[in-house]
N, C-alpha and C. Protein backbone atom coordinates (compact mmCIF):
# COMPACT_ATOMS: atom_id res chain seq x y z
N MET A 1 50.33 165.67 -17.18
CA MET A 1 50.71 166.09 -16.09
C MET A 1 52.02 167.27 -15.98
N GLN A 2 51.33 168.19 -15.99
CA GLN A 2 52.82 169.45 -16.01
C GLN A 2 53.48 169.82 -14.47
N LEU A 3 54.98 169.70 -14.67
CA LEU A 3 55.15 170.13 -13.10
C LEU A 3 55.47 171.51 -13.14
N ASN A 4 55.40 172.56 -12.47
CA ASN A 4 56.05 173.90 -12.76
C ASN A 4 56.77 174.33 -11.84
N GLY A 5 57.71 175.32 -11.76
CA GLY A 5 59.29 174.98 -11.45
C GLY A 5 59.09 175.04 -10.26
N TRP A 6 58.13 175.87 -9.10
CA TRP A 6 59.06 175.20 -7.89
C TRP A 6 58.43 173.29 -7.59
N GLN A 7 57.89 172.84 -7.95
CA GLN A 7 57.71 171.37 -8.16
C GLN A 7 58.89 170.29 -8.51
N ARG A 8 59.18 170.79 -9.25
CA ARG A 8 60.23 170.75 -10.29
C ARG A 8 61.83 170.67 -8.96
N ILE A 9 61.88 171.87 -8.55
CA ILE A 9 62.83 172.42 -7.32
C ILE A 9 62.46 170.96 -6.67
N GLY A 10 60.91 170.89 -6.38
CA GLY A 10 61.31 169.69 -5.17
C GLY A 10 61.04 168.67 -5.04
N VAL A 11 61.25 168.75 -6.70
CA VAL A 11 61.92 166.95 -7.09
C VAL A 11 62.95 166.37 -6.97
N VAL A 12 63.85 167.82 -7.02
CA VAL A 12 65.38 167.92 -7.23
C VAL A 12 65.91 167.94 -6.05
N VAL A 13 65.46 168.55 -5.28
CA VAL A 13 65.58 168.75 -3.21
C VAL A 13 65.86 167.65 -3.12
N SER A 14 64.35 166.40 -3.43
CA SER A 14 63.79 165.57 -3.29
C SER A 14 64.93 164.32 -3.27
N ILE A 15 65.53 164.33 -4.74
CA ILE A 15 66.41 163.55 -4.80
C ILE A 15 67.82 163.37 -4.06
N ALA A 16 68.25 164.66 -4.19
CA ALA A 16 69.25 164.70 -3.94
C ALA A 16 68.77 164.21 -1.84
N TRP A 17 67.79 164.75 -1.12
CA TRP A 17 68.13 164.63 -0.05
C TRP A 17 68.12 163.08 0.32
N VAL A 18 67.62 162.05 -0.77
CA VAL A 18 67.30 160.09 -0.81
C VAL A 18 69.11 160.33 -0.57
N ILE A 19 70.07 160.69 -1.63
CA ILE A 19 71.29 160.44 -1.37
C ILE A 19 71.72 160.97 -0.17
N GLY A 20 71.38 162.14 0.01
CA GLY A 20 72.48 162.74 1.21
C GLY A 20 71.76 162.20 2.42
N GLY A 21 70.72 161.92 3.02
CA GLY A 21 70.01 161.35 3.95
C GLY A 21 70.08 160.50 4.06
N ALA A 22 70.57 159.27 3.12
CA ALA A 22 70.86 157.75 2.97
C ALA A 22 72.40 157.39 3.59
N ILE A 23 73.81 158.28 3.20
CA ILE A 23 74.81 158.13 3.05
C ILE A 23 74.74 158.70 5.12
N TRP A 24 74.23 159.84 5.48
CA TRP A 24 74.29 160.34 6.67
C TRP A 24 73.58 159.27 7.55
N GLY A 25 72.54 158.85 7.14
CA GLY A 25 71.54 157.90 8.38
C GLY A 25 72.28 156.64 8.67
N TYR A 26 72.98 156.14 6.99
CA TYR A 26 73.76 154.91 7.63
C TYR A 26 75.23 155.16 8.28
N ASN A 27 75.89 156.30 8.23
CA ASN A 27 77.18 156.68 9.23
C ASN A 27 75.99 156.49 10.55
N ILE A 28 75.31 157.76 10.65
CA ILE A 28 74.97 157.53 12.24
C ILE A 28 74.60 156.65 12.64
N GLY A 29 74.04 155.40 12.16
CA GLY A 29 73.67 154.45 12.16
C GLY A 29 74.70 153.11 12.92
N TYR A 30 76.05 153.47 11.66
CA TYR A 30 76.58 152.80 12.32
C TYR A 30 77.43 152.57 12.65
N TYR A 31 78.00 154.00 13.36
CA TYR A 31 78.46 154.49 14.88
C TYR A 31 77.62 154.58 15.19
N GLU A 32 76.78 153.74 15.94
CA GLU A 32 75.99 154.24 17.03
C GLU A 32 76.00 153.49 18.23
N GLY A 33 76.62 152.51 18.06
CA GLY A 33 77.17 151.24 19.01
C GLY A 33 78.98 151.89 19.31
N GLY A 34 79.16 152.41 19.09
CA GLY A 34 81.02 152.79 19.11
C GLY A 34 81.43 152.25 17.37
N ASP A 35 82.63 152.78 17.57
CA ASP A 35 83.85 152.16 16.15
C ASP A 35 83.91 150.88 16.46
N VAL A 36 83.81 150.35 15.72
CA VAL A 36 83.34 148.77 15.27
C VAL A 36 85.23 148.69 14.83
N ASP A 37 86.06 149.32 14.46
CA ASP A 37 86.69 148.91 13.87
C ASP A 37 88.60 149.74 14.57
N ARG A 38 87.45 150.40 15.63
CA ARG A 38 88.70 151.11 16.54
C ARG A 38 88.98 149.77 17.96
N GLY A 39 87.44 149.63 17.99
CA GLY A 39 87.38 147.90 18.40
C GLY A 39 88.14 146.63 18.40
N PHE A 40 88.02 146.88 17.38
CA PHE A 40 88.83 145.77 16.51
C PHE A 40 90.39 145.95 16.82
N GLU A 41 91.01 146.57 16.12
CA GLU A 41 92.16 147.52 16.65
C GLU A 41 93.17 146.96 17.70
N GLN A 42 92.24 147.69 18.75
CA GLN A 42 92.44 147.74 20.49
C GLN A 42 92.87 145.96 21.05
N CYS A 43 91.39 145.39 20.37
CA CYS A 43 91.36 144.00 21.20
C CYS A 43 92.97 143.33 19.91
N ARG A 44 92.91 143.50 19.31
CA ARG A 44 94.21 143.30 18.45
C ARG A 44 95.45 143.11 19.17
N GLY A 45 95.83 144.29 18.85
CA GLY A 45 96.64 145.05 19.69
C GLY A 45 96.81 145.00 20.96
N GLY A 46 95.47 144.91 21.85
CA GLY A 46 96.33 144.31 23.59
C GLY A 46 96.82 142.91 22.93
N ALA A 47 96.07 142.03 22.62
CA ALA A 47 96.92 140.69 22.44
C ALA A 47 98.07 140.50 22.07
N GLN A 48 98.33 141.16 20.63
CA GLN A 48 99.32 141.04 20.19
C GLN A 48 100.69 141.75 21.29
N ASN A 49 100.23 142.74 21.82
CA ASN A 49 101.14 143.49 23.22
C ASN A 49 101.35 142.35 24.38
N TRP A 50 100.35 141.92 24.50
CA TRP A 50 101.05 140.60 26.03
C TRP A 50 101.85 139.68 25.53
N TYR A 51 101.31 139.34 23.86
CA TYR A 51 102.28 138.17 23.62
C TYR A 51 103.62 138.97 23.85
N GLN A 52 103.77 139.81 22.91
CA GLN A 52 105.62 140.29 22.63
C GLN A 52 106.27 140.76 24.64
N ASN A 53 105.23 141.16 25.06
CA ASN A 53 105.43 141.88 26.50
C ASN A 53 105.79 140.85 28.12
N GLN A 54 105.84 139.52 27.76
CA GLN A 54 105.15 138.51 28.03
C GLN A 54 106.39 138.04 28.32
N ASN A 55 107.50 138.04 28.41
CA ASN A 55 108.85 137.92 29.33
C ASN A 55 109.04 138.90 30.60
N GLN A 56 108.64 140.58 30.15
CA GLN A 56 108.72 141.40 31.14
C GLN A 56 107.58 140.54 32.79
N TYR A 57 106.86 139.82 32.88
CA TYR A 57 106.11 139.14 33.90
C TYR A 57 106.32 138.32 34.13
N GLN A 58 106.41 138.17 34.93
CA GLN A 58 106.78 136.83 35.79
C GLN A 58 105.30 136.09 36.59
N GLU A 59 104.75 134.94 35.08
CA GLU A 59 103.99 134.38 35.47
C GLU A 59 104.57 132.93 35.38
N THR A 60 103.65 131.92 36.21
CA THR A 60 104.00 130.49 36.05
C THR A 60 103.12 130.09 34.70
N ARG A 61 102.55 130.65 33.60
CA ARG A 61 102.06 130.22 32.47
C ARG A 61 102.21 130.89 31.25
N ARG A 62 103.07 130.88 30.38
CA ARG A 62 103.49 131.37 29.42
C ARG A 62 102.12 131.28 28.11
N TYR A 63 102.13 132.51 27.92
CA TYR A 63 101.28 132.96 26.83
C TYR A 63 101.89 133.01 25.56
N THR A 64 101.55 131.24 25.00
CA THR A 64 102.66 131.31 23.70
C THR A 64 101.36 131.65 22.28
N THR A 65 102.36 131.17 21.22
CA THR A 65 101.42 131.49 20.13
C THR A 65 100.09 130.92 19.77
N ASN A 66 100.41 129.80 20.52
CA ASN A 66 98.77 129.77 20.10
C ASN A 66 97.68 129.91 20.56
N ASP A 67 98.10 130.62 21.68
CA ASP A 67 97.38 131.55 22.97
C ASP A 67 96.94 133.06 21.96
N LEU A 68 97.94 133.40 21.66
CA LEU A 68 97.64 134.93 20.72
C LEU A 68 97.08 133.87 19.43
N ILE A 69 96.89 133.19 18.86
CA ILE A 69 96.04 132.81 17.62
C ILE A 69 94.65 132.71 18.61
N LYS A 70 94.57 132.03 19.41
CA LYS A 70 92.92 132.20 19.71
C LYS A 70 92.45 133.24 19.83
N ASP A 71 93.45 134.27 20.86
CA ASP A 71 92.48 135.31 21.25
C ASP A 71 92.52 136.37 20.43
N LEU A 72 93.45 136.24 19.07
CA LEU A 72 93.02 137.23 17.33
C LEU A 72 91.73 136.90 16.74
N GLU A 73 91.99 135.50 16.81
CA GLU A 73 90.21 134.66 16.20
C GLU A 73 89.19 135.20 16.57
N LYS A 74 89.37 135.21 18.46
CA LYS A 74 88.22 135.69 19.52
C LYS A 74 88.35 137.16 19.05
N CYS A 75 88.94 137.67 18.59
CA CYS A 75 88.83 139.39 17.72
C CYS A 75 87.68 138.86 16.71
N GLY A 76 88.45 138.82 16.17
CA GLY A 76 88.23 138.59 14.56
C GLY A 76 86.16 138.47 14.90
N SER A 77 86.17 137.22 15.51
CA SER A 77 85.09 136.93 15.78
C SER A 77 83.76 137.74 15.94
N GLU A 78 84.65 138.77 17.26
CA GLU A 78 84.00 139.45 17.57
C GLU A 78 83.23 141.01 16.75
N TYR A 79 84.48 140.83 16.06
CA TYR A 79 84.51 141.94 15.31
C TYR A 79 83.88 142.06 13.89
N ARG A 80 83.53 140.82 13.31
CA ARG A 80 82.21 140.21 12.27
C ARG A 80 81.21 140.36 13.02
N LYS A 81 81.10 140.28 14.73
CA LYS A 81 79.26 140.29 14.86
C LYS A 81 79.09 141.79 15.16
N ALA A 82 80.18 142.40 15.61
CA ALA A 82 80.16 143.67 15.99
C ALA A 82 79.55 144.37 14.60
N HIS A 83 80.45 144.09 13.56
CA HIS A 83 80.13 144.67 12.30
C HIS A 83 78.75 144.70 11.27
N LYS A 84 78.51 143.16 11.45
CA LYS A 84 77.04 142.88 11.06
C LYS A 84 75.86 143.57 11.94
N ASP A 85 76.30 143.87 13.56
CA ASP A 85 74.75 144.53 13.72
C ASP A 85 75.12 146.19 13.62
N ALA A 86 76.66 146.39 13.41
CA ALA A 86 76.25 148.13 12.90
C ALA A 86 75.93 147.70 11.46
N MET A 87 76.05 146.81 10.67
CA MET A 87 75.72 147.44 9.38
C MET A 87 74.23 146.97 9.06
N SER A 88 73.24 146.83 9.82
CA SER A 88 72.18 146.18 9.76
C SER A 88 71.06 147.66 10.89
N THR A 89 72.08 148.22 11.67
CA THR A 89 71.59 149.54 12.31
C THR A 89 71.80 150.44 11.38
N GLY A 90 72.72 150.48 10.37
CA GLY A 90 73.01 151.15 9.71
C GLY A 90 72.31 151.51 8.29
N TRP A 91 72.12 150.48 7.92
CA TRP A 91 70.49 150.34 6.37
C TRP A 91 69.41 150.82 7.46
N LEU A 92 69.11 150.02 8.83
CA LEU A 92 67.54 151.18 8.94
C LEU A 92 67.74 152.32 8.83
N TYR A 93 69.32 152.96 9.66
CA TYR A 93 69.11 154.74 10.07
C TYR A 93 68.83 155.20 8.68
N ALA A 94 69.69 154.29 7.31
CA ALA A 94 70.04 154.75 5.97
C ALA A 94 68.43 155.29 5.99
N ALA A 95 68.01 154.47 6.07
CA ALA A 95 66.10 154.35 4.88
C ALA A 95 65.28 154.80 5.46
N LEU A 96 65.13 155.09 6.93
CA LEU A 96 64.38 156.34 7.67
C LEU A 96 64.60 157.29 7.47
N LEU A 97 66.25 158.10 7.57
CA LEU A 97 66.78 159.72 7.03
C LEU A 97 66.48 159.74 5.82
N ALA A 98 66.98 158.68 4.76
CA ALA A 98 66.73 159.07 3.44
C ALA A 98 65.28 158.82 3.00
N LEU A 99 64.25 158.35 3.21
CA LEU A 99 62.83 158.56 3.01
C LEU A 99 61.38 158.74 3.50
N LEU A 100 61.94 158.62 4.84
CA LEU A 100 60.87 159.34 5.96
C LEU A 100 60.97 160.78 5.48
N PRO A 101 61.69 161.61 6.00
CA PRO A 101 61.37 162.89 5.48
C PRO A 101 61.02 164.19 4.17
N ILE A 102 61.08 163.03 3.69
CA ILE A 102 59.86 163.31 1.78
C ILE A 102 58.66 163.66 1.80
N PRO A 103 58.08 163.01 2.34
CA PRO A 103 56.79 163.05 2.33
C PRO A 103 56.11 163.69 3.41
N LEU A 104 56.97 163.71 4.93
CA LEU A 104 56.91 164.96 5.74
C LEU A 104 56.79 166.24 4.81
N GLY A 105 58.21 166.64 4.08
CA GLY A 105 58.92 168.23 3.87
C GLY A 105 57.33 168.22 2.68
N TRP A 106 57.28 167.36 1.66
CA TRP A 106 56.35 167.72 1.02
C TRP A 106 54.77 168.53 1.21
N LEU A 107 54.55 167.45 2.22
CA LEU A 107 53.23 167.73 3.28
C LEU A 107 53.31 169.43 3.94
N ALA A 108 54.55 169.02 4.47
CA ALA A 108 55.02 171.07 5.11
C ALA A 108 54.80 171.78 4.16
N VAL A 109 54.88 171.60 2.92
CA VAL A 109 55.30 172.69 2.03
C VAL A 109 54.14 173.03 1.88
N TYR A 110 53.23 171.79 1.13
CA TYR A 110 51.80 172.08 0.24
C TYR A 110 50.82 172.68 1.88
N LYS A 111 51.01 172.30 2.84
CA LYS A 111 49.95 173.06 4.05
C LYS A 111 50.30 174.33 4.48
N SER A 112 51.26 174.65 4.02
CA SER A 112 51.64 176.06 4.14
C SER A 112 51.65 176.81 3.47
N ILE A 113 51.79 176.45 2.05
CA ILE A 113 51.36 177.31 0.80
C ILE A 113 49.51 177.33 1.01
N ALA A 114 48.69 175.97 1.72
CA ALA A 114 47.53 176.36 2.06
C ALA A 114 47.46 177.65 2.96
N LEU A 115 48.05 177.70 3.94
CA LEU A 115 47.53 178.31 4.97
C LEU A 115 48.06 179.85 4.04
N LEU A 116 48.93 179.65 3.69
CA LEU A 116 49.58 181.51 3.19
C LEU A 116 47.92 181.68 2.09
N ASN A 117 47.22 181.09 1.49
CA ASN A 117 46.66 181.24 0.59
C ASN A 117 45.33 181.59 1.04
N TRP A 118 45.14 181.13 2.32
CA TRP A 118 44.07 181.16 3.19
C TRP A 118 44.36 182.87 4.04
N ILE A 119 45.58 183.05 4.58
CA ILE A 119 45.46 184.12 4.83
C ILE A 119 45.38 185.57 3.99
N ARG A 120 46.09 185.34 2.86
CA ARG A 120 45.82 186.09 1.90
C ARG A 120 44.43 186.41 1.52
N GLU A 121 43.36 185.33 1.30
CA GLU A 121 42.50 185.38 0.90
C GLU A 121 41.76 186.04 1.56
N GLY A 122 41.53 185.79 2.80
CA GLY A 122 40.99 186.56 4.43
C GLY A 122 41.60 188.19 3.89
N PHE A 123 42.33 188.88 3.54
CA PHE A 123 42.50 190.13 3.59
C PHE A 123 41.74 191.04 2.08
N ARG A 124 41.27 189.64 1.21
CA ARG A 124 40.95 190.47 -0.10
C ARG A 124 39.26 190.39 0.08
N THR A 125 38.42 190.00 1.13
CA THR A 125 37.29 190.32 1.42
C THR A 125 36.84 191.61 1.97
């Protein structure tokens, strides 16, 4: 089976789309629920800030180093769960955006060519 020049261009564009679409889709899916890394930094920063500034607040219960460690561990476990969820969503979007448009694009091109040939044939008769 020989491919003509246009079909070869289509193959190259399809391969480029798979790579670009996967990267694009992964980034869209990963950040769909928000910036996971930023949320972790805010959680960690809040706990550390509370620990450092505890003396400014007149409270009966002091925020100890153990409390800080527990809060940081909680931030870490929330981050790991959010990161795992974001990655699975990212891979789903990557697969969809990398693979779904290719057969639709080829179908649209072939149908467009068939339509143009049909119109051209109508002018010849």
